[in-house]
Amino acid sequence: MNDIDDIEVKKARAARVVQLLEIKYPDPKCSLTYDEPYQLLIAGRLSAQCTDARVNIVTKELFQKYKSIDEIADADVADIERIIKPCGLYKTKAASVVGMCKMLREDFGGVLPDTVDELTKLPGIGRKTANLIVGDIYSKPAVVADTHCIRICGRLGLTTTKDPVKTEQELREIVAPEKSSDFCHRLVMFGRERCKARGQQCGECELKEVCPSVSNAKE
């Protein structure tokens, strides 16, 4: 099989996976809680090496106290550290949260950029969070290559790498752009419920008809 044939096979498999996940999860949503776009940006930053559930607890206090980009930009970093400490890496995260709000105010007029390239200029913002903003806030094609996405797409034979950037690139080649953002949200939901890092439920899996790894998994 040549590379072109391989891509076509992956496109067909990806399309079927998208279809099956749409049936299972008709209303995909980001698990991070936010009311304003900048709040999702901050929550995405805090989610690094931390669960979304814990981030949502921390941001509730953070966003109640600091109600705008300006207020966070002018905040005492030590107070931000205190609030977000349960998320881990709190000193680095606090500095980047204040720094990104200052940059948003000074360089972007308080409006989040709508491209991955511009978003990743903000302190602490990598491609995963940038894609989250592009997809959820601006409804543009986006691939959020988080741990669930990387793990499940590898098992499905859709990707060949565990590198987030390379995973994103490979998925952009085979997943319909207009489906990509919701597809990634559905992968998170599916990864938490069914295709877990350990103890995946292959016998009950809605994707087993297209998954080349199902026969190798232990129930």
C-alpha atoms as a PDB file:
ATOM      1  CA  MET A   1       0.000   0.000   0.000  1.00  0.00           C
ATOM      2  CA  ASN A   2       1.439   3.363  -0.969  1.00  0.00           C
ATOM      3  CA  ASP A   3       1.144   6.583   1.034  1.00  0.00           C
ATOM      4  CA  ILE A   4      -1.837   7.853  -0.966  1.00  0.00           C
ATOM      5  CA  ASP A   5      -3.748   4.614  -0.424  1.00  0.00           C
ATOM      6  CA  ASP A   6      -2.862   4.691   3.275  1.00  0.00           C
ATOM      7  CA  ILE A   7      -4.195   8.237   3.656  1.00  0.00           C
ATOM      8  CA  GLU A   8      -7.438   7.273   1.906  1.00  0.00           C
ATOM      9  CA  VAL A   9      -7.878   4.285   4.216  1.00  0.00           C
ATOM     10  CA  LYS A  10      -7.312   6.517   7.235  1.00  0.00           C
ATOM     11  CA  LYS A  11      -9.729   9.133   5.913  1.00  0.00           C
ATOM     12  CA  ALA A  12     -12.425   6.505   5.524  1.00  0.00           C
ATOM     13  CA  ARG A  13     -11.773   5.104   8.990  1.00  0.00           C
ATOM     14  CA  ALA A  14     -11.705   8.590  10.513  1.00  0.00           C
ATOM     15  CA  ALA A  15     -15.025   9.439   8.862  1.00  0.00           C
ATOM     16  CA  ARG A  16     -16.601   6.311  10.344  1.00  0.00           C
ATOM     17  CA  VAL A  17     -15.143   7.044  13.781  1.00  0.00           C
ATOM     18  CA  VAL A  18     -16.518  10.575  13.615  1.00  0.00           C
ATOM     19  CA  GLN A  19     -19.928   9.201  12.655  1.00  0.00           C
ATOM     20  CA  LEU A  20     -20.008   6.653  15.466  1.00  0.00           C
ATOM     21  CA  LEU A  21     -18.900   9.179  18.072  1.00  0.00           C
ATOM     22  CA  GLU A  22     -21.544  11.635  16.856  1.00  0.00           C
ATOM     23  CA  ILE A  23     -24.153   8.975  17.553  1.00  0.00           C
ATOM     24  CA  LYS A  24     -22.766   8.241  21.017  1.00  0.00           C
ATOM     25  CA  TYR A  25     -22.200  11.877  21.986  1.00  0.00           C
ATOM     26  CA  PRO A  26     -24.648  14.070  20.066  1.00  0.00           C
ATOM     27  CA  ASP A  27     -23.896  17.155  22.153  1.00  0.00           C
ATOM     28  CA  PRO A  28     -20.141  17.389  22.790  1.00  0.00           C
ATOM     29  CA  LYS A  29     -18.967  20.078  25.165  1.00  0.00           C
ATOM     30  CA  CYS A  30     -15.720  21.282  26.617  1.00  0.00           C
ATOM     31  CA  SER A  31     -15.434  20.112  30.216  1.00  0.00           C
ATOM     32  CA  LEU A  32     -13.789  23.355  31.331  1.00  0.00           C
ATOM     33  CA  THR A  33     -16.230  25.866  32.819  1.00  0.00           C
ATOM     34  CA  TYR A  34     -16.186  29.457  31.532  1.00  0.00           C
ATOM     35  CA  ASP A  35     -18.416  32.400  30.712  1.00  0.00           C
ATOM     36  CA  GLU A  36     -16.009  34.613  28.776  1.00  0.00           C
ATOM     37  CA  PRO A  37     -13.465  33.658  26.094  1.00  0.00           C
ATOM     38  CA  TYR A  38     -10.464  34.776  28.164  1.00  0.00           C
ATOM     39  CA  GLN A  39     -11.651  32.510  30.974  1.00  0.00           C
ATOM     40  CA  LEU A  40     -11.373  29.480  28.699  1.00  0.00           C
ATOM     41  CA  LEU A  41      -7.874  30.596  27.749  1.00  0.00           C
ATOM     42  CA  ILE A  42      -6.861  30.744  31.399  1.00  0.00           C
ATOM     43  CA  ALA A  43      -8.579  27.457  32.243  1.00  0.00           C
ATOM     44  CA  GLY A  44      -6.761  25.811  29.345  1.00  0.00           C
ATOM     45  CA  ARG A  45      -3.451  27.052  30.705  1.00  0.00           C
ATOM     46  CA  LEU A  46      -4.240  25.787  34.196  1.00  0.00           C
ATOM     47  CA  SER A  47      -5.249  22.362  32.871  1.00  0.00           C
ATOM     48  CA  ALA A  48      -1.657  21.408  32.055  1.00  0.00           C
ATOM     49  CA  GLN A  49      -0.857  18.356  34.208  1.00  0.00           C
ATOM     50  CA  CYS A  50      -4.101  18.877  36.118  1.00  0.00           C
ATOM     51  CA  THR A  51      -7.631  17.496  35.837  1.00  0.00           C
ATOM     52  CA  ASP A  52     -10.392  19.623  34.366  1.00  0.00           C
ATOM     53  CA  ALA A  53     -12.481  18.969  37.480  1.00  0.00           C
ATOM     54  CA  ARG A  54      -9.832  20.538  39.715  1.00  0.00           C
ATOM     55  CA  VAL A  55      -9.349  23.438  37.310  1.00  0.00           C
ATOM     56  CA  ASN A  56     -13.081  24.174  37.453  1.00  0.00           C
ATOM     57  CA  ILE A  57     -12.945  24.358  41.254  1.00  0.00           C
ATOM     58  CA  VAL A  58      -9.983  26.738  41.172  1.00  0.00           C
ATOM     59  CA  THR A  59     -11.302  28.998  38.414  1.00  0.00           C
ATOM     60  CA  LYS A  60     -14.595  29.461  40.245  1.00  0.00           C
ATOM     61  CA  GLU A  61     -12.760  31.383  42.955  1.00  0.00           C
ATOM     62  CA  LEU A  62     -10.375  33.047  40.516  1.00  0.00           C
ATOM     63  CA  PHE A  63     -13.088  34.422  38.234  1.00  0.00           C
ATOM     64  CA  GLN A  64     -15.277  35.505  41.143  1.00  0.00           C
ATOM     65  CA  LYS A  65     -12.449  37.651  42.498  1.00  0.00           C
ATOM     66  CA  TYR A  66     -10.990  38.873  39.204  1.00  0.00           C
ATOM     67  CA  LYS A  67     -13.758  39.719  36.776  1.00  0.00           C
ATOM     68  CA  SER A  68     -11.905  40.949  33.692  1.00  0.00           C
ATOM     69  CA  ILE A  69      -8.700  40.791  31.690  1.00  0.00           C
ATOM     70  CA  ASP A  70      -7.704  44.155  33.168  1.00  0.00           C
ATOM     71  CA  GLU A  71      -8.195  42.987  36.745  1.00  0.00           C
ATOM     72  CA  ILE A  72      -6.060  39.902  36.214  1.00  0.00           C
ATOM     73  CA  ALA A  73      -3.404  41.885  34.365  1.00  0.00           C
ATOM     74  CA  ASP A  74      -3.152  44.231  37.366  1.00  0.00           C
ATOM     75  CA  ALA A  75      -3.348  41.477  39.982  1.00  0.00           C
ATOM     76  CA  ASP A  76      -0.660  40.607  42.514  1.00  0.00           C
ATOM     77  CA  VAL A  77       0.955  37.464  41.121  1.00  0.00           C
ATOM     78  CA  ALA A  78       1.285  36.094  44.663  1.00  0.00           C
ATOM     79  CA  ASP A  79      -2.489  36.185  45.083  1.00  0.00           C
ATOM     80  CA  ILE A  80      -2.998  34.375  41.784  1.00  0.00           C
ATOM     81  CA  GLU A  81      -0.480  31.785  42.992  1.00  0.00           C
ATOM     82  CA  ARG A  82      -2.482  31.310  46.189  1.00  0.00           C
ATOM     83  CA  ILE A  83      -5.726  30.714  44.338  1.00  0.00           C
ATOM     84  CA  ILE A  84      -4.395  28.362  41.662  1.00  0.00           C
ATOM     85  CA  LYS A  85      -1.958  26.409  43.864  1.00  0.00           C
ATOM     86  CA  PRO A  86      -4.108  23.218  43.803  1.00  0.00           C
ATOM     87  CA  CYS A  87      -3.540  23.027  40.028  1.00  0.00           C
ATOM     88  CA  GLY A  88       0.181  22.422  40.450  1.00  0.00           C
ATOM     89  CA  LEU A  89       3.074  24.306  38.842  1.00  0.00           C
ATOM     90  CA  TYR A  90       1.344  27.312  40.334  1.00  0.00           C
ATOM     91  CA  LYS A  91       4.239  29.774  40.214  1.00  0.00           C
ATOM     92  CA  THR A  92       4.822  29.265  36.507  1.00  0.00           C
ATOM     93  CA  LYS A  93       1.102  29.201  35.750  1.00  0.00           C
ATOM     94  CA  ALA A  94       0.375  32.323  37.781  1.00  0.00           C
ATOM     95  CA  ALA A  95       3.108  34.270  36.013  1.00  0.00           C
ATOM     96  CA  SER A  96       1.777  33.230  32.608  1.00  0.00           C
ATOM     97  CA  VAL A  97      -1.865  33.984  33.530  1.00  0.00           C
ATOM     98  CA  VAL A  98      -0.973  37.544  34.532  1.00  0.00           C
ATOM     99  CA  GLY A  99       1.418  37.852  31.593  1.00  0.00           C
ATOM    100  CA  MET A 100      -1.122  36.691  29.001  1.00  0.00           C
ATOM    101  CA  CYS A 101      -3.720  39.154  30.284  1.00  0.00           C
ATOM    102  CA  LYS A 102      -1.220  41.999  30.090  1.00  0.00           C
ATOM    103  CA  MET A 103      -0.349  41.012  26.538  1.00  0.00           C
ATOM    104  CA  LEU A 104      -4.006  40.670  25.575  1.00  0.00           C
ATOM    105  CA  ARG A 105      -4.636  44.172  26.854  1.00  0.00           C
ATOM    106  CA  GLU A 106      -1.544  45.813  25.428  1.00  0.00           C
ATOM    107  CA  ASP A 107      -1.109  43.997  22.116  1.00  0.00           C
ATOM    108  CA  PHE A 108      -4.585  42.728  21.208  1.00  0.00           C
ATOM    109  CA  GLY A 109      -6.953  45.343  22.620  1.00  0.00           C
ATOM    110  CA  GLY A 110      -8.396  42.870  25.100  1.00  0.00           C
ATOM    111  CA  VAL A 111      -9.643  40.541  22.356  1.00  0.00           C
ATOM    112  CA  LEU A 112      -8.407  36.977  21.987  1.00  0.00           C
ATOM    113  CA  PRO A 113      -6.644  36.307  18.669  1.00  0.00           C
ATOM    114  CA  ASP A 114      -8.419  33.862  16.369  1.00  0.00           C
ATOM    115  CA  THR A 115      -5.414  31.947  15.023  1.00  0.00           C
ATOM    116  CA  VAL A 116      -3.136  29.371  16.570  1.00  0.00           C
ATOM    117  CA  ASP A 117      -0.044  31.310  15.503  1.00  0.00           C
ATOM    118  CA  GLU A 118      -1.178  34.472  17.280  1.00  0.00           C
ATOM    119  CA  LEU A 119      -2.493  32.690  20.362  1.00  0.00           C
ATOM    120  CA  THR A 120       0.767  30.835  20.915  1.00  0.00           C
ATOM    121  CA  LYS A 121       2.537  34.191  21.243  1.00  0.00           C
ATOM    122  CA  LEU A 122       0.786  34.586  24.596  1.00  0.00           C
ATOM    123  CA  PRO A 123       2.779  33.482  27.675  1.00  0.00           C
ATOM    124  CA  GLY A 124       2.169  29.832  28.550  1.00  0.00           C
ATOM    125  CA  ILE A 125      -0.155  29.089  25.647  1.00  0.00           C
ATOM    126  CA  GLY A 126       0.741  26.079  23.530  1.00  0.00           C
ATOM    127  CA  ARG A 127      -0.968  24.612  20.509  1.00  0.00           C
ATOM    128  CA  LYS A 128      -3.410  22.514  22.534  1.00  0.00           C
ATOM    129  CA  THR A 129      -5.000  25.484  24.282  1.00  0.00           C
ATOM    130  CA  ALA A 130      -4.692  27.650  21.167  1.00  0.00           C
ATOM    131  CA  ASN A 131      -6.639  25.083  19.155  1.00  0.00           C
ATOM    132  CA  LEU A 132      -9.229  24.904  21.914  1.00  0.00           C
ATOM    133  CA  ILE A 133      -9.816  28.650  21.596  1.00  0.00           C
ATOM    134  CA  VAL A 134      -9.882  28.583  17.802  1.00  0.00           C
ATOM    135  CA  GLY A 135     -12.431  25.758  17.809  1.00  0.00           C
ATOM    136  CA  ASP A 136     -14.673  26.644  20.742  1.00  0.00           C
ATOM    137  CA  ILE A 137     -14.621  30.433  20.640  1.00  0.00           C
ATOM    138  CA  TYR A 138     -14.256  31.077  16.917  1.00  0.00           C
ATOM    139  CA  SER A 139     -15.837  27.881  15.511  1.00  0.00           C
ATOM    140  CA  LYS A 140     -12.926  27.324  13.161  1.00  0.00           C
ATOM    141  CA  PRO A 141     -11.326  23.969  12.308  1.00  0.00           C
ATOM    142  CA  ALA A 142      -9.126  22.915  15.209  1.00  0.00           C
ATOM    143  CA  VAL A 143      -7.399  19.808  16.526  1.00  0.00           C
ATOM    144  CA  VAL A 144      -6.849  19.651  20.276  1.00  0.00           C
ATOM    145  CA  ALA A 145      -4.242  16.929  20.634  1.00  0.00           C
ATOM    146  CA  ASP A 146      -4.559  16.125  24.325  1.00  0.00           C
ATOM    147  CA  THR A 147      -3.722  12.813  26.001  1.00  0.00           C
ATOM    148  CA  HIS A 148      -7.093  11.242  25.143  1.00  0.00           C
ATOM    149  CA  CYS A 149      -6.818  12.242  21.503  1.00  0.00           C
ATOM    150  CA  ILE A 150      -3.255  10.942  21.196  1.00  0.00           C
ATOM    151  CA  ARG A 151      -4.016   7.645  22.945  1.00  0.00           C
ATOM    152  CA  ILE A 152      -7.271   6.823  21.149  1.00  0.00           C
ATOM    153  CA  CYS A 153      -6.175   7.889  17.672  1.00  0.00           C
ATOM    154  CA  GLY A 154      -3.059   5.778  18.075  1.00  0.00           C
ATOM    155  CA  ARG A 155      -5.124   2.748  19.031  1.00  0.00           C
ATOM    156  CA  LEU A 156      -7.437   3.383  16.089  1.00  0.00           C
ATOM    157  CA  GLY A 157      -4.499   3.489  13.694  1.00  0.00           C
ATOM    158  CA  LEU A 158      -5.321   7.044  12.662  1.00  0.00           C
ATOM    159  CA  THR A 159      -1.989   8.421  13.846  1.00  0.00           C
ATOM    160  CA  THR A 160       1.548   7.080  14.136  1.00  0.00           C
ATOM    161  CA  THR A 161       3.007   9.260  16.878  1.00  0.00           C
ATOM    162  CA  LYS A 162       2.609  10.295  20.500  1.00  0.00           C
ATOM    163  CA  ASP A 163       3.940  13.772  19.791  1.00  0.00           C
ATOM    164  CA  PRO A 164       1.092  16.331  20.145  1.00  0.00           C
ATOM    165  CA  VAL A 165       2.186  18.542  17.250  1.00  0.00           C
ATOM    166  CA  LYS A 166       2.679  15.603  14.893  1.00  0.00           C
ATOM    167  CA  THR A 167      -0.627  14.090  16.016  1.00  0.00           C
ATOM    168  CA  GLU A 168      -2.356  17.360  15.190  1.00  0.00           C
ATOM    169  CA  GLN A 169      -0.729  17.447  11.765  1.00  0.00           C
ATOM    170  CA  GLU A 170      -1.685  13.852  10.945  1.00  0.00           C
ATOM    171  CA  LEU A 171      -5.296  14.347  12.025  1.00  0.00           C
ATOM    172  CA  ARG A 172      -5.645  17.510   9.960  1.00  0.00           C
ATOM    173  CA  GLU A 173      -4.869  15.370   6.902  1.00  0.00           C
ATOM    174  CA  ILE A 174      -7.628  12.827   7.504  1.00  0.00           C
ATOM    175  CA  VAL A 175     -10.438  14.410   9.565  1.00  0.00           C
ATOM    176  CA  ALA A 176     -12.929  16.700   7.858  1.00  0.00           C
ATOM    177  CA  PRO A 177     -12.058  20.238   9.035  1.00  0.00           C
ATOM    178  CA  GLU A 178     -15.618  21.120   9.982  1.00  0.00           C
ATOM    179  CA  LYS A 179     -15.785  18.014  12.187  1.00  0.00           C
ATOM    180  CA  SER A 180     -12.387  18.292  13.845  1.00  0.00           C
ATOM    181  CA  SER A 181     -13.115  20.439  16.895  1.00  0.00           C
ATOM    182  CA  ASP A 182     -16.166  18.478  18.064  1.00  0.00           C
ATOM    183  CA  PHE A 183     -14.344  15.241  17.218  1.00  0.00           C
ATOM    184  CA  CYS A 184     -11.658  16.110  19.758  1.00  0.00           C
ATOM    185  CA  HIS A 185     -14.248  16.893  22.446  1.00  0.00           C
ATOM    186  CA  ARG A 186     -15.911  13.569  21.748  1.00  0.00           C
ATOM    187  CA  LEU A 187     -12.564  11.790  22.078  1.00  0.00           C
ATOM    188  CA  VAL A 188     -12.161  13.254  25.567  1.00  0.00           C
ATOM    189  CA  MET A 189     -15.613  12.013  26.548  1.00  0.00           C
ATOM    190  CA  PHE A 190     -14.937   8.619  25.002  1.00  0.00           C
ATOM    191  CA  GLY A 191     -11.514   8.365  26.651  1.00  0.00           C
ATOM    192  CA  ARG A 192     -12.955   8.985  30.082  1.00  0.00           C
ATOM    193  CA  GLU A 193     -15.853   6.584  29.656  1.00  0.00           C
ATOM    194  CA  ARG A 194     -14.670   3.772  27.416  1.00  0.00           C
ATOM    195  CA  CYS A 195     -11.170   3.851  25.915  1.00  0.00           C
ATOM    196  CA  LYS A 196      -9.216   4.547  29.078  1.00  0.00           C
ATOM    197  CA  ALA A 197      -5.467   4.530  29.514  1.00  0.00           C
ATOM    198  CA  ARG A 198      -5.909   1.333  31.522  1.00  0.00           C
ATOM    199  CA  GLY A 199      -8.887  -0.969  31.542  1.00  0.00           C
ATOM    200  CA  GLN A 200     -10.354  -0.003  28.204  1.00  0.00           C
ATOM    201  CA  GLN A 201     -13.716  -1.661  27.563  1.00  0.00           C
ATOM    202  CA  CYS A 202     -13.180  -3.183  24.121  1.00  0.00           C
ATOM    203  CA  GLY A 203     -16.020  -5.676  24.414  1.00  0.00           C
ATOM    204  CA  GLU A 204     -18.530  -2.858  24.802  1.00  0.00           C
ATOM    205  CA  CYS A 205     -16.758  -0.396  22.533  1.00  0.00           C
ATOM    206  CA  GLU A 206     -18.815   1.457  19.966  1.00  0.00           C
ATOM    207  CA  LEU A 207     -15.735   1.720  17.732  1.00  0.00           C
ATOM    208  CA  LYS A 208     -14.658  -1.910  17.748  1.00  0.00           C
ATOM    209  CA  GLU A 209     -15.806  -2.438  14.158  1.00  0.00           C
ATOM    210  CA  VAL A 210     -13.090  -0.047  12.949  1.00  0.00           C
ATOM    211  CA  CYS A 211     -10.432  -0.426  15.658  1.00  0.00           C
ATOM    212  CA  PRO A 212      -7.362  -2.500  14.731  1.00  0.00           C
ATOM    213  CA  SER A 213      -6.281  -2.659  18.376  1.00  0.00           C
ATOM    214  CA  VAL A 214      -9.410  -4.291  19.760  1.00  0.00           C
ATOM    215  CA  SER A 215      -8.173  -7.869  19.366  1.00  0.00           C
ATOM    216  CA  ASN A 216      -4.974  -7.046  21.268  1.00  0.00           C
ATOM    217  CA  ALA A 217      -6.661  -5.494  24.281  1.00  0.00           C
ATOM    218  CA  LYS A 218      -7.304  -7.296  27.530  1.00  0.00           C
ATOM    219  CA  GLU A 219     -10.812  -7.113  28.873  1.00  0.00           C
END
